[in-house]
Amino acid sequence: MKTSNLARDLMKTFRKGGQTMKALGNVSLEIEKGKAVGLVGANGAGKATLTKVSCGLVKPTSGQTIADGFDVETHRREVLSRIEVVFSEVRGFYWSLRGDGSRGCGGGSLVGRRDALAE
């Protein structure tokens, strides 16, 4: 198995009303190169936070995320050009698509990525 994307000991906390809330607690995972992954879980489980941290939209409190060999924090632009993320609850999804079919927090084409994964 060739690992392309991984998270090591990711933690994310937020301050809310004077209290510290833990959104992610020492999450680690590996995703095999070329695989598509879906995150499923209860509301408030940390799915969106994990996804946002993994593509550099939110900075983790601690831990590290690697995408296609690049550290997400230090090489965010390179990472965003290589990955695609689509949130299921995005309002106005159709209207936010670019002419090349791209969408999400990456720079590639969804259609091209879908076709490449299907091969």
PDB file of N, CA and C in Angstrom:
ATOM      1  N   MET A   1       0.845  -1.187   0.000  1.00  0.00           N
ATOM      2  CA  MET A   1       0.000   0.000   0.000  1.00  0.00           C
ATOM      3  C   MET A   1       0.881   1.239   0.000  1.00  0.00           C
ATOM      4  N   LYS A   2       0.677   2.104  -0.976  1.00  0.00           N
ATOM      5  CA  LYS A   2       1.402   3.368  -1.018  1.00  0.00           C
ATOM      6  C   LYS A   2       0.498   4.454  -0.443  1.00  0.00           C
ATOM      7  N   THR A   3       0.918   5.015   0.679  1.00  0.00           N
ATOM      8  CA  THR A   3       0.136   6.051   1.334  1.00  0.00           C
ATOM      9  C   THR A   3       0.389   7.391   0.676  1.00  0.00           C
ATOM     10  N   SER A   4      -0.671   8.069   0.331  1.00  0.00           N
ATOM     11  CA  SER A   4      -0.562   9.374  -0.289  1.00  0.00           C
ATOM     12  C   SER A   4      -0.952  10.487   0.681  1.00  0.00           C
ATOM     13  N   ASN A   5      -1.929  10.219   1.514  1.00  0.00           N
ATOM     14  CA  ASN A   5      -2.444  11.229   2.432  1.00  0.00           C
ATOM     15  C   ASN A   5      -2.529  10.641   3.829  1.00  0.00           C
ATOM     16  N   LEU A   6      -2.083  11.417   4.801  1.00  0.00           N
ATOM     17  CA  LEU A   6      -2.186  10.937   6.163  1.00  0.00           C
ATOM     18  C   LEU A   6      -2.297  12.082   7.152  1.00  0.00           C
ATOM     19  N   ALA A   7      -2.853  11.745   8.280  1.00  0.00           N
ATOM     20  CA  ALA A   7      -2.972  12.688   9.398  1.00  0.00           C
ATOM     21  C   ALA A   7      -2.327  12.020  10.602  1.00  0.00           C
ATOM     22  N   ARG A   8      -1.534  12.800  11.342  1.00  0.00           N
ATOM     23  CA  ARG A   8      -0.866  12.263  12.529  1.00  0.00           C
ATOM     24  C   ARG A   8      -1.250  13.091  13.752  1.00  0.00           C
ATOM     25  N   ASP A   9      -1.880  12.439  14.688  1.00  0.00           N
ATOM     26  CA  ASP A   9      -2.192  13.043  15.987  1.00  0.00           C
ATOM     27  C   ASP A   9      -2.822  14.428  15.866  1.00  0.00           C
ATOM     28  N   LEU A  10      -3.787  14.564  14.964  1.00  0.00           N
ATOM     29  CA  LEU A  10      -4.444  15.863  14.791  1.00  0.00           C
ATOM     30  C   LEU A  10      -5.334  16.188  15.976  1.00  0.00           C
ATOM     31  N   MET A  11      -5.187  17.403  16.466  1.00  0.00           N
ATOM     32  CA  MET A  11      -6.050  17.907  17.518  1.00  0.00           C
ATOM     33  C   MET A  11      -6.497  19.309  17.121  1.00  0.00           C
ATOM     34  N   LYS A  12      -7.761  19.604  17.349  1.00  0.00           N
ATOM     35  CA  LYS A  12      -8.287  20.933  17.092  1.00  0.00           C
ATOM     36  C   LYS A  12      -9.231  21.299  18.217  1.00  0.00           C
ATOM     37  N   THR A  13      -8.940  22.416  18.857  1.00  0.00           N
ATOM     38  CA  THR A  13      -9.821  22.938  19.897  1.00  0.00           C
ATOM     39  C   THR A  13     -10.284  24.331  19.495  1.00  0.00           C
ATOM     40  N   PHE A  14     -11.463  24.697  19.975  1.00  0.00           N
ATOM     41  CA  PHE A  14     -12.039  26.020  19.750  1.00  0.00           C
ATOM     42  C   PHE A  14     -12.420  26.612  21.096  1.00  0.00           C
ATOM     43  N   ARG A  15     -12.407  27.934  21.189  1.00  0.00           N
ATOM     44  CA  ARG A  15     -12.898  28.625  22.381  1.00  0.00           C
ATOM     45  C   ARG A  15     -14.328  29.056  22.106  1.00  0.00           C
ATOM     46  N   LYS A  16     -15.229  28.696  23.011  1.00  0.00           N
ATOM     47  CA  LYS A  16     -16.639  29.067  22.874  1.00  0.00           C
ATOM     48  C   LYS A  16     -17.180  29.427  24.245  1.00  0.00           C
ATOM     49  N   GLY A  17     -17.589  30.667  24.376  1.00  0.00           N
ATOM     50  CA  GLY A  17     -18.161  31.111  25.645  1.00  0.00           C
ATOM     51  C   GLY A  17     -17.228  30.941  26.825  1.00  0.00           C
ATOM     52  N   GLY A  18     -15.942  31.156  26.625  1.00  0.00           N
ATOM     53  CA  GLY A  18     -14.970  31.031  27.700  1.00  0.00           C
ATOM     54  C   GLY A  18     -14.523  29.604  27.987  1.00  0.00           C
ATOM     55  N   GLN A  19     -15.070  28.641  27.254  1.00  0.00           N
ATOM     56  CA  GLN A  19     -14.684  27.245  27.442  1.00  0.00           C
ATOM     57  C   GLN A  19     -13.924  26.735  26.216  1.00  0.00           C
ATOM     58  N   THR A  20     -13.040  25.786  26.437  1.00  0.00           N
ATOM     59  CA  THR A  20     -12.328  25.143  25.344  1.00  0.00           C
ATOM     60  C   THR A  20     -13.098  23.908  24.917  1.00  0.00           C
ATOM     61  N   MET A  21     -13.453  23.854  23.640  1.00  0.00           N
ATOM     62  CA  MET A  21     -14.200  22.731  23.078  1.00  0.00           C
ATOM     63  C   MET A  21     -13.265  21.928  22.175  1.00  0.00           C
ATOM     64  N   LYS A  22     -13.225  20.614  22.355  1.00  0.00           N
ATOM     65  CA  LYS A  22     -12.369  19.755  21.535  1.00  0.00           C
ATOM     66  C   LYS A  22     -13.169  19.241  20.335  1.00  0.00           C
ATOM     67  N   ALA A  23     -12.732  19.641  19.123  1.00  0.00           N
ATOM     68  CA  ALA A  23     -13.383  19.176  17.901  1.00  0.00           C
ATOM     69  C   ALA A  23     -12.715  17.909  17.373  1.00  0.00           C
ATOM     70  N   LEU A  24     -11.403  17.815  17.524  1.00  0.00           N
ATOM     71  CA  LEU A  24     -10.642  16.621  17.137  1.00  0.00           C
ATOM     72  C   LEU A  24      -9.707  16.273  18.274  1.00  0.00           C
ATOM     73  N   GLY A  25      -9.616  15.009  18.600  1.00  0.00           N
ATOM     74  CA  GLY A  25      -8.727  14.582  19.677  1.00  0.00           C
ATOM     75  C   GLY A  25      -7.779  13.487  19.213  1.00  0.00           C
ATOM     76  N   ASN A  26      -6.560  13.867  18.848  1.00  0.00           N
ATOM     77  CA  ASN A  26      -5.512  12.918  18.445  1.00  0.00           C
ATOM     78  C   ASN A  26      -5.963  11.957  17.348  1.00  0.00           C
ATOM     79  N   VAL A  27      -6.465  12.508  16.261  1.00  0.00           N
ATOM     80  CA  VAL A  27      -6.924  11.713  15.123  1.00  0.00           C
ATOM     81  C   VAL A  27      -5.748  11.392  14.212  1.00  0.00           C
ATOM     82  N   SER A  28      -5.621  10.117  13.851  1.00  0.00           N
ATOM     83  CA  SER A  28      -4.606   9.682  12.891  1.00  0.00           C
ATOM     84  C   SER A  28      -5.268   8.782  11.868  1.00  0.00           C
ATOM     85  N   LEU A  29      -4.912   8.941  10.597  1.00  0.00           N
ATOM     86  CA  LEU A  29      -5.428   8.072   9.557  1.00  0.00           C
ATOM     87  C   LEU A  29      -4.499   8.090   8.354  1.00  0.00           C
ATOM     88  N   GLU A  30      -4.604   7.057   7.541  1.00  0.00           N
ATOM     89  CA  GLU A  30      -3.844   6.965   6.303  1.00  0.00           C
ATOM     90  C   GLU A  30      -4.818   6.648   5.176  1.00  0.00           C
ATOM     91  N   ILE A  31      -4.610   7.279   4.027  1.00  0.00           N
ATOM     92  CA  ILE A  31      -5.445   7.023   2.855  1.00  0.00           C
ATOM     93  C   ILE A  31      -4.532   6.561   1.729  1.00  0.00           C
ATOM     94  N   GLU A  32      -4.849   5.418   1.181  1.00  0.00           N
ATOM     95  CA  GLU A  32      -4.052   4.842   0.108  1.00  0.00           C
ATOM     96  C   GLU A  32      -4.151   5.711  -1.153  1.00  0.00           C
ATOM     97  N   LYS A  33      -3.034   5.866  -1.843  1.00  0.00           N
ATOM     98  CA  LYS A  33      -2.975   6.666  -3.067  1.00  0.00           C
ATOM     99  C   LYS A  33      -4.030   6.195  -4.060  1.00  0.00           C
ATOM    100  N   GLY A  34      -4.778   7.154  -4.613  1.00  0.00           N
ATOM    101  CA  GLY A  34      -5.787   6.853  -5.621  1.00  0.00           C
ATOM    102  C   GLY A  34      -7.144   6.466  -5.089  1.00  0.00           C
ATOM    103  N   LYS A  35      -7.312   6.406  -3.770  1.00  0.00           N
ATOM    104  CA  LYS A  35      -8.590   6.008  -3.183  1.00  0.00           C
ATOM    105  C   LYS A  35      -9.460   7.223  -2.883  1.00  0.00           C
ATOM    106  N   ALA A  36     -10.752   7.044  -3.041  1.00  0.00           N
ATOM    107  CA  ALA A  36     -11.726   8.057  -2.644  1.00  0.00           C
ATOM    108  C   ALA A  36     -12.242   7.661  -1.266  1.00  0.00           C
ATOM    109  N   VAL A  37     -12.468   8.657  -0.408  1.00  0.00           N
ATOM    110  CA  VAL A  37     -12.874   8.392   0.968  1.00  0.00           C
ATOM    111  C   VAL A  37     -14.076   9.251   1.322  1.00  0.00           C
ATOM    112  N   GLY A  38     -15.008   8.667   2.047  1.00  0.00           N
ATOM    113  CA  GLY A  38     -16.134   9.417   2.582  1.00  0.00           C
ATOM    114  C   GLY A  38     -16.093   9.346   4.097  1.00  0.00           C
ATOM    115  N   LEU A  39     -16.359  10.465   4.753  1.00  0.00           N
ATOM    116  CA  LEU A  39     -16.426  10.484   6.218  1.00  0.00           C
ATOM    117  C   LEU A  39     -17.891  10.471   6.629  1.00  0.00           C
ATOM    118  N   VAL A  40     -18.246   9.514   7.460  1.00  0.00           N
ATOM    119  CA  VAL A  40     -19.625   9.348   7.895  1.00  0.00           C
ATOM    120  C   VAL A  40     -19.646   9.319   9.414  1.00  0.00           C
ATOM    121  N   GLY A  41     -20.611  10.014  10.002  1.00  0.00           N
ATOM    122  CA  GLY A  41     -20.728   9.991  11.453  1.00  0.00           C
ATOM    123  C   GLY A  41     -21.814  10.929  11.936  1.00  0.00           C
ATOM    124  N   ALA A  42     -22.024  10.912  13.226  1.00  0.00           N
ATOM    125  CA  ALA A  42     -23.063  11.736  13.850  1.00  0.00           C
ATOM    126  C   ALA A  42     -22.709  13.224  13.763  1.00  0.00           C
ATOM    127  N   ASN A  43     -23.723  14.059  13.889  1.00  0.00           N
ATOM    128  CA  ASN A  43     -23.495  15.499  13.962  1.00  0.00           C
ATOM    129  C   ASN A  43     -22.556  15.807  15.115  1.00  0.00           C
ATOM    130  N   GLY A  44     -21.575  16.675  14.862  1.00  0.00           N
ATOM    131  CA  GLY A  44     -20.653  17.068  15.911  1.00  0.00           C
ATOM    132  C   GLY A  44     -19.502  16.105  16.132  1.00  0.00           C
ATOM    133  N   ALA A  45     -19.376  15.086  15.283  1.00  0.00           N
ATOM    134  CA  ALA A  45     -18.317  14.088  15.453  1.00  0.00           C
ATOM    135  C   ALA A  45     -16.945  14.583  14.999  1.00  0.00           C
ATOM    136  N   GLY A  46     -16.894  15.688  14.225  1.00  0.00           N
ATOM    137  CA  GLY A  46     -15.621  16.235  13.776  1.00  0.00           C
ATOM    138  C   GLY A  46     -15.306  15.994  12.314  1.00  0.00           C
ATOM    139  N   LYS A  47     -16.272  15.503  11.546  1.00  0.00           N
ATOM    140  CA  LYS A  47     -16.047  15.207  10.129  1.00  0.00           C
ATOM    141  C   LYS A  47     -15.633  16.449   9.348  1.00  0.00           C
ATOM    142  N   ALA A  48     -16.400  17.504   9.464  1.00  0.00           N
ATOM    143  CA  ALA A  48     -16.097  18.735   8.720  1.00  0.00           C
ATOM    144  C   ALA A  48     -14.791  19.353   9.204  1.00  0.00           C
ATOM    145  N   THR A  49     -14.547  19.323  10.496  1.00  0.00           N
ATOM    146  CA  THR A  49     -13.306  19.883  11.038  1.00  0.00           C
ATOM    147  C   THR A  49     -12.113  19.101  10.523  1.00  0.00           C
ATOM    148  N   LEU A  50     -12.185  17.776  10.535  1.00  0.00           N
ATOM    149  CA  LEU A  50     -11.100  16.944  10.019  1.00  0.00           C
ATOM    150  C   LEU A  50     -10.838  17.250   8.548  1.00  0.00           C
ATOM    151  N   THR A  51     -11.900  17.374   7.783  1.00  0.00           N
ATOM    152  CA  THR A  51     -11.768  17.670   6.354  1.00  0.00           C
ATOM    153  C   THR A  51     -11.131  19.044   6.138  1.00  0.00           C
ATOM    154  N   LYS A  52     -11.593  20.041   6.870  1.00  0.00           N
ATOM    155  CA  LYS A  52     -11.049  21.396   6.722  1.00  0.00           C
ATOM    156  C   LYS A  52      -9.585  21.467   7.144  1.00  0.00           C
ATOM    157  N   VAL A  53      -9.223  20.768   8.208  1.00  0.00           N
ATOM    158  CA  VAL A  53      -7.820  20.723   8.639  1.00  0.00           C
ATOM    159  C   VAL A  53      -6.984  20.002   7.584  1.00  0.00           C
ATOM    160  N   SER A  54      -7.524  18.923   7.040  1.00  0.00           N
ATOM    161  CA  SER A  54      -6.791  18.104   6.076  1.00  0.00           C
ATOM    162  C   SER A  54      -6.480  18.822   4.776  1.00  0.00           C
ATOM    163  N   CYS A  55      -7.295  19.800   4.402  1.00  0.00           N
ATOM    164  CA  CYS A  55      -7.001  20.529   3.165  1.00  0.00           C
ATOM    165  C   CYS A  55      -6.524  21.956   3.439  1.00  0.00           C
ATOM    166  N   GLY A  56      -6.219  22.273   4.681  1.00  0.00           N
ATOM    167  CA  GLY A  56      -5.597  23.553   5.000  1.00  0.00           C
ATOM    168  C   GLY A  56      -6.535  24.725   5.188  1.00  0.00           C
ATOM    169  N   LEU A  57      -7.833  24.476   5.251  1.00  0.00           N
ATOM    170  CA  LEU A  57      -8.780  25.575   5.466  1.00  0.00           C
ATOM    171  C   LEU A  57      -8.823  26.011   6.921  1.00  0.00           C
ATOM    172  N   VAL A  58      -8.476  25.096   7.827  1.00  0.00           N
ATOM    173  CA  VAL A  58      -8.424  25.374   9.266  1.00  0.00           C
ATOM    174  C   VAL A  58      -7.096  24.828   9.786  1.00  0.00           C
ATOM    175  N   LYS A  59      -6.430  25.617  10.620  1.00  0.00           N
ATOM    176  CA  LYS A  59      -5.148  25.194  11.180  1.00  0.00           C
ATOM    177  C   LYS A  59      -5.383  24.322  12.416  1.00  0.00           C
ATOM    178  N   PRO A  60      -4.693  23.176  12.491  1.00  0.00           N
ATOM    179  CA  PRO A  60      -4.880  22.327  13.673  1.00  0.00           C
ATOM    180  C   PRO A  60      -4.234  22.939  14.910  1.00  0.00           C
ATOM    181  N   THR A  61      -4.748  22.591  16.064  1.00  0.00           N
ATOM    182  CA  THR A  61      -4.122  23.015  17.317  1.00  0.00           C
ATOM    183  C   THR A  61      -2.782  22.297  17.465  1.00  0.00           C
ATOM    184  N   SER A  62      -2.759  21.023  17.067  1.00  0.00           N
ATOM    185  CA  SER A  62      -1.508  20.253  17.042  1.00  0.00           C
ATOM    186  C   SER A  62      -1.659  19.114  16.056  1.00  0.00           C
ATOM    187  N   GLY A  63      -0.543  18.506  15.690  1.00  0.00           N
ATOM    188  CA  GLY A  63      -0.545  17.405  14.750  1.00  0.00           C
ATOM    189  C   GLY A  63      -0.107  17.851  13.365  1.00  0.00           C
ATOM    190  N   GLN A  64      -0.117  16.908  12.428  1.00  0.00           N
ATOM    191  CA  GLN A  64       0.375  17.173  11.081  1.00  0.00           C
ATOM    192  C   GLN A  64      -0.478  16.433  10.061  1.00  0.00           C
ATOM    193  N   THR A  65      -0.690  17.083   8.913  1.00  0.00           N
ATOM    194  CA  THR A  65      -1.388  16.460   7.798  1.00  0.00           C
ATOM    195  C   THR A  65      -0.487  16.511   6.576  1.00  0.00           C
ATOM    196  N   ILE A  66      -0.357  15.369   5.897  1.00  0.00           N
ATOM    197  CA  ILE A  66       0.430  15.258   4.676  1.00  0.00           C
ATOM    198  C   ILE A  66      -0.521  14.872   3.551  1.00  0.00           C
ATOM    199  N   ALA A  67      -0.469  15.593   2.443  1.00  0.00           N
ATOM    200  CA  ALA A  67      -1.295  15.269   1.280  1.00  0.00           C
ATOM    201  C   ALA A  67      -0.383  15.167   0.064  1.00  0.00           C
ATOM    202  N   ASP A  68      -0.369  14.011  -0.540  1.00  0.00           N
ATOM    203  CA  ASP A  68       0.447  13.731  -1.716  1.00  0.00           C
ATOM    204  C   ASP A  68       1.914  14.090  -1.486  1.00  0.00           C
ATOM    205  N   GLY A  69       2.385  13.841  -0.258  1.00  0.00           N
ATOM    206  CA  GLY A  69       3.782  14.076   0.082  1.00  0.00           C
ATOM    207  C   GLY A  69       4.101  15.472   0.581  1.00  0.00           C
ATOM    208  N   PHE A  70       3.125  16.364   0.622  1.00  0.00           N
ATOM    209  CA  PHE A  70       3.353  17.742   1.046  1.00  0.00           C
ATOM    210  C   PHE A  70       2.684  18.026   2.387  1.00  0.00           C
ATOM    211  N   ASP A  71       3.398  18.718   3.262  1.00  0.00           N
ATOM    212  CA  ASP A  71       2.826  19.165   4.522  1.00  0.00           C
ATOM    213  C   ASP A  71       1.779  20.231   4.209  1.00  0.00           C
ATOM    214  N   VAL A  72       0.561  20.028   4.691  1.00  0.00           N
ATOM    215  CA  VAL A  72      -0.550  20.925   4.368  1.00  0.00           C
ATOM    216  C   VAL A  72      -0.305  22.352   4.867  1.00  0.00           C
ATOM    217  N   GLU A  73       0.283  22.505   6.036  1.00  0.00           N
ATOM    218  CA  GLU A  73       0.509  23.851   6.581  1.00  0.00           C
ATOM    219  C   GLU A  73       1.563  24.635   5.824  1.00  0.00           C
ATOM    220  N   THR A  74       2.637  23.968   5.428  1.00  0.00           N
ATOM    221  CA  THR A  74       3.744  24.691   4.793  1.00  0.00           C
ATOM    222  C   THR A  74       3.655  24.736   3.268  1.00  0.00           C
ATOM    223  N   HIS A  75       2.848  23.853   2.669  1.00  0.00           N
ATOM    224  CA  HIS A  75       2.724  23.806   1.207  1.00  0.00           C
ATOM    225  C   HIS A  75       1.250  23.806   0.782  1.00  0.00           C
ATOM    226  N   ARG A  76       0.469  24.673   1.401  1.00  0.00           N
ATOM    227  CA  ARG A  76      -0.978  24.686   1.188  1.00  0.00           C
ATOM    228  C   ARG A  76      -1.358  24.834  -0.285  1.00  0.00           C
ATOM    229  N   ARG A  77      -0.716  25.744  -0.999  1.00  0.00           N
ATOM    230  CA  ARG A  77      -1.057  25.993  -2.407  1.00  0.00           C
ATOM    231  C   ARG A  77      -0.827  24.727  -3.248  1.00  0.00           C
ATOM    232  N   GLU A  78       0.282  24.049  -3.021  1.00  0.00           N
ATOM    233  CA  GLU A  78       0.589  22.812  -3.750  1.00  0.00           C
ATOM    234  C   GLU A  78      -0.436  21.730  -3.422  1.00  0.00           C
ATOM    235  N   VAL A  79      -0.787  21.624  -2.148  1.00  0.00           N
ATOM    236  CA  VAL A  79      -1.779  20.630  -1.721  1.00  0.00           C
ATOM    237  C   VAL A  79      -3.123  20.897  -2.387  1.00  0.00           C
ATOM    238  N   LEU A  80      -3.575  22.142  -2.382  1.00  0.00           N
ATOM    239  CA  LEU A  80      -4.882  22.476  -2.951  1.00  0.00           C
ATOM    240  C   LEU A  80      -4.947  22.222  -4.451  1.00  0.00           C
ATOM    241  N   SER A  81      -3.798  22.233  -5.118  1.00  0.00           N
ATOM    242  CA  SER A  81      -3.805  21.942  -6.553  1.00  0.00           C
ATOM    243  C   SER A  81      -3.885  20.442  -6.834  1.00  0.00           C
ATOM    244  N   ARG A  82      -3.750  19.608  -5.791  1.00  0.00           N
ATOM    245  CA  ARG A  82      -3.694  18.155  -5.986  1.00  0.00           C
ATOM    246  C   ARG A  82      -4.864  17.387  -5.386  1.00  0.00           C
ATOM    247  N   ILE A  83      -5.695  18.015  -4.576  1.00  0.00           N
ATOM    248  CA  ILE A  83      -6.783  17.291  -3.917  1.00  0.00           C
ATOM    249  C   ILE A  83      -8.134  17.915  -4.248  1.00  0.00           C
ATOM    250  N   GLU A  84      -9.180  17.184  -4.006  1.00  0.00           N
ATOM    251  CA  GLU A  84     -10.553  17.668  -4.162  1.00  0.00           C
ATOM    252  C   GLU A  84     -11.345  17.306  -2.923  1.00  0.00           C
ATOM    253  N   VAL A  85     -12.148  18.230  -2.464  1.00  0.00           N
ATOM    254  CA  VAL A  85     -13.038  17.998  -1.331  1.00  0.00           C
ATOM    255  C   VAL A  85     -14.391  18.578  -1.680  1.00  0.00           C
ATOM    256  N   VAL A  86     -15.430  17.815  -1.447  1.00  0.00           N
ATOM    257  CA  VAL A  86     -16.787  18.303  -1.666  1.00  0.00           C
ATOM    258  C   VAL A  86     -17.572  18.061  -0.386  1.00  0.00           C
ATOM    259  N   PHE A  87     -18.137  19.120   0.167  1.00  0.00           N
ATOM    260  CA  PHE A  87     -18.973  19.003   1.360  1.00  0.00           C
ATOM    261  C   PHE A  87     -20.405  18.742   0.915  1.00  0.00           C
ATOM    262  N   SER A  88     -21.087  17.833   1.573  1.00  0.00           N
ATOM    263  CA  SER A  88     -22.432  17.439   1.145  1.00  0.00           C
ATOM    264  C   SER A  88     -23.473  18.514   1.403  1.00  0.00           C
ATOM    265  N   GLU A  89     -23.229  19.401   2.317  1.00  0.00           N
ATOM    266  CA  GLU A  89     -24.223  20.403   2.686  1.00  0.00           C
ATOM    267  C   GLU A  89     -23.955  21.774   2.067  1.00  0.00           C
ATOM    268  N   VAL A  90     -23.206  21.821   0.983  1.00  0.00           N
ATOM    269  CA  VAL A  90     -22.872  23.103   0.367  1.00  0.00           C
ATOM    270  C   VAL A  90     -24.110  23.663  -0.324  1.00  0.00           C
ATOM    271  N   ARG A  91     -24.518  24.852   0.083  1.00  0.00           N
ATOM    272  CA  ARG A  91     -25.641  25.508  -0.562  1.00  0.00           C
ATOM    273  C   ARG A  91     -25.160  26.135  -1.868  1.00  0.00           C
ATOM    274  N   GLY A  92     -25.965  26.093  -2.882  1.00  0.00           N
ATOM    275  CA  GLY A  92     -25.589  26.698  -4.158  1.00  0.00           C
ATOM    276  C   GLY A  92     -24.466  25.949  -4.855  1.00  0.00           C
ATOM    277  N   PHE A  93     -24.389  24.639  -4.652  1.00  0.00           N
ATOM    278  CA  PHE A  93     -23.305  23.841  -5.238  1.00  0.00           C
ATOM    279  C   PHE A  93     -23.233  24.027  -6.752  1.00  0.00           C
ATOM    280  N   TYR A  94     -24.360  23.890  -7.432  1.00  0.00           N
ATOM    281  CA  TYR A  94     -24.379  23.970  -8.888  1.00  0.00           C
ATOM    282  C   TYR A  94     -23.821  25.312  -9.359  1.00  0.00           C
ATOM    283  N   TRP A  95     -24.218  26.395  -8.689  1.00  0.00           N
ATOM    284  CA  TRP A  95     -23.817  27.732  -9.135  1.00  0.00           C
ATOM    285  C   TRP A  95     -22.355  28.022  -8.823  1.00  0.00           C
ATOM    286  N   SER A  96     -21.732  27.242  -7.958  1.00  0.00           N
ATOM    287  CA  SER A  96     -20.338  27.478  -7.622  1.00  0.00           C
ATOM    288  C   SER A  96     -19.371  26.669  -8.483  1.00  0.00           C
ATOM    289  N   LEU A  97     -19.896  25.819  -9.359  1.00  0.00           N
ATOM    290  CA  LEU A  97     -19.018  25.051 -10.242  1.00  0.00           C
ATOM    291  C   LEU A  97     -18.358  25.975 -11.261  1.00  0.00           C
ATOM    292  N   ARG A  98     -17.096  25.707 -11.529  1.00  0.00           N
ATOM    293  CA  ARG A  98     -16.380  26.435 -12.573  1.00  0.00           C
ATOM    294  C   ARG A  98     -16.650  25.741 -13.903  1.00  0.00           C
ATOM    295  N   GLY A  99     -16.304  26.387 -14.991  1.00  0.00           N
ATOM    296  CA  GLY A  99     -16.551  25.836 -16.322  1.00  0.00           C
ATOM    297  C   GLY A  99     -15.899  24.492 -16.557  1.00  0.00           C
ATOM    298  N   ASP A 100     -14.797  24.205 -15.864  1.00  0.00           N
ATOM    299  CA  ASP A 100     -14.098  22.926 -16.079  1.00  0.00           C
ATOM    300  C   ASP A 100     -14.622  21.817 -15.170  1.00  0.00           C
ATOM    301  N   GLY A 101     -15.686  22.098 -14.404  1.00  0.00           N
ATOM    302  CA  GLY A 101     -16.249  21.078 -13.525  1.00  0.00           C
ATOM    303  C   GLY A 101     -15.587  21.010 -12.171  1.00  0.00           C
ATOM    304  N   SER A 102     -14.646  21.910 -11.880  1.00  0.00           N
ATOM    305  CA  SER A 102     -13.961  21.846 -10.596  1.00  0.00           C
ATOM    306  C   SER A 102     -14.781  22.506  -9.506  1.00  0.00           C
ATOM    307  N   ARG A 103     -14.562  22.059  -8.293  1.00  0.00           N
ATOM    308  CA  ARG A 103     -15.309  22.546  -7.131  1.00  0.00           C
ATOM    309  C   ARG A 103     -14.632  22.016  -5.876  1.00  0.00           C
ATOM    310  N   GLY A 104     -14.917  22.594  -4.754  1.00  0.00           N
ATOM    311  CA  GLY A 104     -14.382  22.110  -3.491  1.00  0.00           C
ATOM    312  C   GLY A 104     -13.183  22.935  -3.079  1.00  0.00           C
ATOM    313  N   CYS A 105     -12.274  22.357  -2.310  1.00  0.00           N
ATOM    314  CA  CYS A 105     -11.122  23.138  -1.866  1.00  0.00           C
ATOM    315  C   CYS A 105      -9.861  22.700  -2.594  1.00  0.00           C
ATOM    316  N   GLY A 106     -10.011  22.156  -3.777  1.00  0.00           N
ATOM    317  CA  GLY A 106      -8.854  21.761  -4.576  1.00  0.00           C
ATOM    318  C   GLY A 106      -8.890  22.431  -5.928  1.00  0.00           C
ATOM    319  N   GLY A 107      -7.859  22.192  -6.703  1.00  0.00           N
ATOM    320  CA  GLY A 107      -7.755  22.883  -7.976  1.00  0.00           C
ATOM    321  C   GLY A 107      -8.020  22.017  -9.186  1.00  0.00           C
ATOM    322  N   GLY A 108      -8.147  20.710  -9.018  1.00  0.00           N
ATOM    323  CA  GLY A 108      -8.343  19.836 -10.162  1.00  0.00           C
ATOM    324  C   GLY A 108      -9.794  19.786 -10.590  1.00  0.00           C
ATOM    325  N   SER A 109     -10.067  19.097 -11.654  1.00  0.00           N
ATOM    326  CA  SER A 109     -11.419  18.937 -12.166  1.00  0.00           C
ATOM    327  C   SER A 109     -12.065  17.719 -11.537  1.00  0.00           C
ATOM    328  N   LEU A 110     -13.268  17.867 -11.008  1.00  0.00           N
ATOM    329  CA  LEU A 110     -13.983  16.726 -10.440  1.00  0.00           C
ATOM    330  C   LEU A 110     -14.233  15.665 -11.496  1.00  0.00           C
ATOM    331  N   VAL A 111     -14.588  16.103 -12.680  1.00  0.00           N
ATOM    332  CA  VAL A 111     -14.866  15.152 -13.748  1.00  0.00           C
ATOM    333  C   VAL A 111     -13.610  14.367 -14.087  1.00  0.00           C
ATOM    334  N   GLY A 112     -12.483  15.038 -14.222  1.00  0.00           N
ATOM    335  CA  GLY A 112     -11.225  14.376 -14.529  1.00  0.00           C
ATOM    336  C   GLY A 112     -10.786  13.451 -13.411  1.00  0.00           C
ATOM    337  N   ARG A 113     -10.944  13.891 -12.164  1.00  0.00           N
ATOM    338  CA  ARG A 113     -10.561  13.056 -11.012  1.00  0.00           C
ATOM    339  C   ARG A 113     -11.476  11.834 -10.930  1.00  0.00           C
ATOM    340  N   ARG A 114     -12.767  12.032 -11.158  1.00  0.00           N
ATOM    341  CA  ARG A 114     -13.708  10.912 -11.129  1.00  0.00           C
ATOM    342  C   ARG A 114     -13.334   9.880 -12.184  1.00  0.00           C
ATOM    343  N   ASP A 115     -13.058  10.346 -13.408  1.00  0.00           N
ATOM    344  CA  ASP A 115     -12.708   9.444 -14.493  1.00  0.00           C
ATOM    345  C   ASP A 115     -11.400   8.710 -14.209  1.00  0.00           C
ATOM    346  N   ALA A 116     -10.424   9.406 -13.629  1.00  0.00           N
ATOM    347  CA  ALA A 116      -9.140   8.779 -13.308  1.00  0.00           C
ATOM    348  C   ALA A 116      -9.316   7.711 -12.232  1.00  0.00           C
ATOM    349  N   LEU A 117     -10.161   7.964 -11.228  1.00  0.00           N
ATOM    350  CA  LEU A 117     -10.400   6.979 -10.166  1.00  0.00           C
ATOM    351  C   LEU A 117     -11.169   5.772 -10.699  1.00  0.00           C
ATOM    352  N   ALA A 118     -12.008   5.988 -11.696  1.00  0.00           N
ATOM    353  CA  ALA A 118     -12.835   4.912 -12.228  1.00  0.00           C
ATOM    354  C   ALA A 118     -12.018   3.921 -13.058  1.00  0.00           C
ATOM    355  N   GLU A 119     -10.861   4.353 -13.561  1.00  0.00           N
ATOM    356  CA  GLU A 119     -10.049   3.463 -14.420  1.00  0.00           C
ATOM    357  C   GLU A 119      -9.409   2.343 -13.674  1.00  0.00           C
TER     358      GLU A 119
END
